[in-house]
Amino acid sequence: MVAHSLDARLAVTYAARYPREVERLILVSLPYFGGEEEAQMFVRSRYGSGWLWR
């Protein structure tokens, strides 16, 4: 699986939930937020607080 930018968060979540389905994980151009709280605030401001944070 290859993921770019914010899609990397989705890819990591998917790989954690379904490890048998992901043989390799390549993350490209990850955004820098300074910390977990800043990253969550950024994503929630754009996408809400759905399944991504469960």
C-alpha atoms as a PDB file:
ATOM      1  CA  MET A   1       0.000   0.000   0.000  1.00  0.00           C
ATOM      2  CA  VAL A   2       1.311   3.455  -0.916  1.00  0.00           C
ATOM      3  CA  ALA A   3      -0.101   6.605   0.696  1.00  0.00           C
ATOM      4  CA  HIS A   4       0.688  10.289   0.210  1.00  0.00           C
ATOM      5  CA  SER A   5       0.234  13.232   2.579  1.00  0.00           C
ATOM      6  CA  LEU A   6      -2.901  13.043   4.751  1.00  0.00           C
ATOM      7  CA  ASP A   7      -3.895   9.742   3.165  1.00  0.00           C
ATOM      8  CA  ALA A   8      -0.995   8.279   5.122  1.00  0.00           C
ATOM      9  CA  ARG A   9      -3.142   8.551   8.256  1.00  0.00           C
ATOM     10  CA  LEU A  10      -5.818   6.450   6.589  1.00  0.00           C
ATOM     11  CA  ALA A  11      -3.253   3.927   5.406  1.00  0.00           C
ATOM     12  CA  VAL A  12      -1.750   3.515   8.876  1.00  0.00           C
ATOM     13  CA  THR A  13      -5.225   3.100  10.375  1.00  0.00           C
ATOM     14  CA  TYR A  14      -6.136   0.491   7.757  1.00  0.00           C
ATOM     15  CA  ALA A  15      -2.855  -1.388   8.226  1.00  0.00           C
ATOM     16  CA  ALA A  16      -3.358  -1.442  11.999  1.00  0.00           C
ATOM     17  CA  ARG A  17      -6.900  -2.793  11.673  1.00  0.00           C
ATOM     18  CA  TYR A  18      -6.149  -5.314   8.895  1.00  0.00           C
ATOM     19  CA  PRO A  19      -2.476  -6.311   9.230  1.00  0.00           C
ATOM     20  CA  ARG A  20      -2.944  -9.526   7.242  1.00  0.00           C
ATOM     21  CA  GLU A  21      -4.171  -7.511   4.249  1.00  0.00           C
ATOM     22  CA  VAL A  22      -1.119  -5.216   4.081  1.00  0.00           C
ATOM     23  CA  GLU A  23       2.204  -6.775   3.091  1.00  0.00           C
ATOM     24  CA  ARG A  24       4.089  -3.463   2.841  1.00  0.00           C
ATOM     25  CA  LEU A  25       3.299   0.129   3.717  1.00  0.00           C
ATOM     26  CA  ILE A  26       4.974   3.068   1.957  1.00  0.00           C
ATOM     27  CA  LEU A  27       4.260   6.544   3.330  1.00  0.00           C
ATOM     28  CA  VAL A  28       5.259   9.527   1.150  1.00  0.00           C
ATOM     29  CA  SER A  29       5.395  13.225   2.064  1.00  0.00           C
ATOM     30  CA  LEU A  30       3.874  12.979   5.502  1.00  0.00           C
ATOM     31  CA  PRO A  31       2.573  16.292   6.823  1.00  0.00           C
ATOM     32  CA  TYR A  32       4.306  17.720   9.906  1.00  0.00           C
ATOM     33  CA  PHE A  33       2.013  18.963  12.666  1.00  0.00           C
ATOM     34  CA  GLY A  34       4.329  19.345  15.638  1.00  0.00           C
ATOM     35  CA  GLY A  35       2.463  16.793  17.732  1.00  0.00           C
ATOM     36  CA  GLU A  36      -0.532  14.504  17.983  1.00  0.00           C
ATOM     37  CA  GLU A  37      -2.891  17.173  19.303  1.00  0.00           C
ATOM     38  CA  GLU A  38      -2.121  19.565  16.436  1.00  0.00           C
ATOM     39  CA  ALA A  39      -2.608  16.786  13.887  1.00  0.00           C
ATOM     40  CA  GLN A  40      -5.969  15.811  15.352  1.00  0.00           C
ATOM     41  CA  MET A  41      -7.137  19.430  15.442  1.00  0.00           C
ATOM     42  CA  PHE A  42      -6.170  19.904  11.777  1.00  0.00           C
ATOM     43  CA  VAL A  43      -7.927  16.759  10.534  1.00  0.00           C
ATOM     44  CA  ARG A  44     -11.028  17.317  12.681  1.00  0.00           C
ATOM     45  CA  SER A  45     -11.350  20.890  11.387  1.00  0.00           C
ATOM     46  CA  ARG A  46     -11.482  19.555   7.839  1.00  0.00           C
ATOM     47  CA  TYR A  47     -13.103  16.130   8.133  1.00  0.00           C
ATOM     48  CA  GLY A  48     -14.998  16.078  11.426  1.00  0.00           C
ATOM     49  CA  SER A  49     -14.544  13.476  14.132  1.00  0.00           C
ATOM     50  CA  GLY A  50     -15.699  10.259  12.509  1.00  0.00           C
ATOM     51  CA  TRP A  51     -14.269   6.768  12.358  1.00  0.00           C
ATOM     52  CA  LEU A  52     -10.702   8.019  11.821  1.00  0.00           C
ATOM     53  CA  TRP A  53     -10.221   8.674  15.556  1.00  0.00           C
ATOM     54  CA  ARG A  54     -11.933   5.632  17.017  1.00  0.00           C
END
